Amino acid sequence: MLIHIIPVNKLSSKALKGVIEEFISRDGTDYGAIEASMETNFKQVKYKLKAGSAVLVFDDETETTNIFLADDPILKKIDSLTG
């Protein structure tokens, strides 16, 4: 399993927009008790990525990109497997 954290500044604006839009449109993505518009969700995710409180993760095996909160325990687990 090879996992990479992708710095958001390495993506073009168009690529970043596509990744965020795909992420927020997934079935089962939970944004809390209050339903927000796609535009609001997009802005929140983009802000978190730019601020560093969320990260882009690419999995070579599945060729998929995911977005995790920077303090998500799964990232520590991934780091221990790849480090």
C-alpha atoms as a PDB file:
ATOM      1  CA  MET A   1       0.000   0.000   0.000  1.00  0.00           C
ATOM      2  CA  LEU A   2       1.517   3.309  -1.076  1.00  0.00           C
ATOM      3  CA  ILE A   3      -0.231   6.414   0.194  1.00  0.00           C
ATOM      4  CA  HIS A   4       0.815  10.003  -0.512  1.00  0.00           C
ATOM      5  CA  ILE A   5      -0.249  13.259   1.075  1.00  0.00           C
ATOM      6  CA  ILE A   6      -0.556  15.712  -1.806  1.00  0.00           C
ATOM      7  CA  PRO A   7       0.159  19.379  -1.037  1.00  0.00           C
ATOM      8  CA  VAL A   8      -2.770  21.418  -2.373  1.00  0.00           C
ATOM      9  CA  ASN A   9      -0.381  23.979  -3.865  1.00  0.00           C
ATOM     10  CA  LYS A  10       0.905  21.246  -6.220  1.00  0.00           C
ATOM     11  CA  LEU A  11      -2.518  21.028  -7.938  1.00  0.00           C
ATOM     12  CA  SER A  12      -3.843  23.439 -10.513  1.00  0.00           C
ATOM     13  CA  SER A  13      -6.959  25.381  -9.505  1.00  0.00           C
ATOM     14  CA  LYS A  14      -8.981  23.266 -11.930  1.00  0.00           C
ATOM     15  CA  ALA A  15      -7.662  19.972 -10.519  1.00  0.00           C
ATOM     16  CA  LEU A  16      -8.265  21.073  -6.931  1.00  0.00           C
ATOM     17  CA  LYS A  17     -11.792  22.145  -7.821  1.00  0.00           C
ATOM     18  CA  GLY A  18     -12.467  18.756  -9.412  1.00  0.00           C
ATOM     19  CA  VAL A  19     -11.127  16.819  -6.422  1.00  0.00           C
ATOM     20  CA  ILE A  20     -13.203  18.861  -3.966  1.00  0.00           C
ATOM     21  CA  GLU A  21     -16.369  18.628  -6.083  1.00  0.00           C
ATOM     22  CA  GLU A  22     -15.996  14.862  -6.432  1.00  0.00           C
ATOM     23  CA  PHE A  23     -15.414  14.499  -2.687  1.00  0.00           C
ATOM     24  CA  ILE A  24     -18.405  16.568  -1.580  1.00  0.00           C
ATOM     25  CA  SER A  25     -20.730  14.872  -4.060  1.00  0.00           C
ATOM     26  CA  ARG A  26     -20.053  11.345  -2.759  1.00  0.00           C
ATOM     27  CA  ASP A  27     -22.944   9.439  -1.265  1.00  0.00           C
ATOM     28  CA  GLY A  28     -22.652   9.135   2.471  1.00  0.00           C
ATOM     29  CA  THR A  29     -20.430  12.168   3.012  1.00  0.00           C
ATOM     30  CA  ASP A  30     -21.574  13.675   6.302  1.00  0.00           C
ATOM     31  CA  TYR A  31     -21.363  17.399   6.995  1.00  0.00           C
ATOM     32  CA  GLY A  32     -23.172  17.415  10.314  1.00  0.00           C
ATOM     33  CA  ALA A  33     -26.698  18.035  11.493  1.00  0.00           C
ATOM     34  CA  ILE A  34     -27.343  21.051   9.269  1.00  0.00           C
ATOM     35  CA  GLU A  35     -27.614  20.498   5.527  1.00  0.00           C
ATOM     36  CA  ALA A  36     -25.509  23.007   3.584  1.00  0.00           C
ATOM     37  CA  SER A  37     -25.426  23.885  -0.108  1.00  0.00           C
ATOM     38  CA  MET A  38     -22.803  22.409  -2.425  1.00  0.00           C
ATOM     39  CA  GLU A  39     -21.241  25.869  -2.708  1.00  0.00           C
ATOM     40  CA  THR A  40     -20.967  26.211   1.068  1.00  0.00           C
ATOM     41  CA  ASN A  41     -19.527  22.701   1.410  1.00  0.00           C
ATOM     42  CA  PHE A  42     -17.044  23.445  -1.390  1.00  0.00           C
ATOM     43  CA  LYS A  43     -15.863  26.643   0.309  1.00  0.00           C
ATOM     44  CA  GLN A  44     -15.514  24.908   3.678  1.00  0.00           C
ATOM     45  CA  VAL A  45     -13.468  22.016   2.279  1.00  0.00           C
ATOM     46  CA  LYS A  46     -11.270  24.324   0.191  1.00  0.00           C
ATOM     47  CA  TYR A  47     -10.638  26.571   3.211  1.00  0.00           C
ATOM     48  CA  LYS A  48      -9.665  23.576   5.371  1.00  0.00           C
ATOM     49  CA  LEU A  49      -7.294  22.293   2.695  1.00  0.00           C
ATOM     50  CA  LYS A  50      -5.655  25.698   2.207  1.00  0.00           C
ATOM     51  CA  ALA A  51      -5.406  26.246   5.995  1.00  0.00           C
ATOM     52  CA  GLY A  52      -3.852  22.819   6.536  1.00  0.00           C
ATOM     53  CA  SER A  53      -6.620  21.501   8.771  1.00  0.00           C
ATOM     54  CA  ALA A  54      -7.470  18.960   6.054  1.00  0.00           C
ATOM     55  CA  VAL A  55      -5.193  17.066   3.658  1.00  0.00           C
ATOM     56  CA  LEU A  56      -5.442  15.372   0.264  1.00  0.00           C
ATOM     57  CA  VAL A  57      -4.431  11.719   0.306  1.00  0.00           C
ATOM     58  CA  PHE A  58      -3.767   9.696  -2.846  1.00  0.00           C
ATOM     59  CA  ASP A  59      -3.751   5.876  -2.783  1.00  0.00           C
ATOM     60  CA  ASP A  60      -1.590   4.349  -5.539  1.00  0.00           C
ATOM     61  CA  GLU A  61      -3.256   0.946  -5.229  1.00  0.00           C
ATOM     62  CA  THR A  62      -6.822   2.150  -5.812  1.00  0.00           C
ATOM     63  CA  GLU A  63      -5.835   5.321  -7.695  1.00  0.00           C
ATOM     64  CA  THR A  64      -8.242   7.322  -5.559  1.00  0.00           C
ATOM     65  CA  THR A  65      -7.992  10.635  -3.768  1.00  0.00           C
ATOM     66  CA  ASN A  66      -9.545  11.313  -0.403  1.00  0.00           C
ATOM     67  CA  ILE A  67      -9.707  14.264   1.940  1.00  0.00           C
ATOM     68  CA  PHE A  68      -9.076  13.772   5.644  1.00  0.00           C
ATOM     69  CA  LEU A  69      -8.971  16.152   8.559  1.00  0.00           C
ATOM     70  CA  ALA A  70      -5.295  16.656   9.397  1.00  0.00           C
ATOM     71  CA  ASP A  71      -5.780  15.255  12.902  1.00  0.00           C
ATOM     72  CA  ASP A  72      -7.683  12.153  11.740  1.00  0.00           C
ATOM     73  CA  PRO A  73      -6.299   9.048  13.504  1.00  0.00           C
ATOM     74  CA  ILE A  74      -6.286   7.173  10.187  1.00  0.00           C
ATOM     75  CA  LEU A  75      -3.446   9.448   9.004  1.00  0.00           C
ATOM     76  CA  LYS A  76      -1.302   8.406  11.969  1.00  0.00           C
ATOM     77  CA  LYS A  77      -1.997   4.781  11.094  1.00  0.00           C
ATOM     78  CA  ILE A  78      -1.082   5.368   7.437  1.00  0.00           C
ATOM     79  CA  ASP A  79       2.086   7.211   8.490  1.00  0.00           C
ATOM     80  CA  SER A  80       3.161   4.294  10.676  1.00  0.00           C
ATOM     81  CA  LEU A  81       2.631   1.865   7.782  1.00  0.00           C
ATOM     82  CA  THR A  82       4.528   3.958   5.229  1.00  0.00           C
ATOM     83  CA  GLY A  83       7.185   5.412   7.537  1.00  0.00           C
END
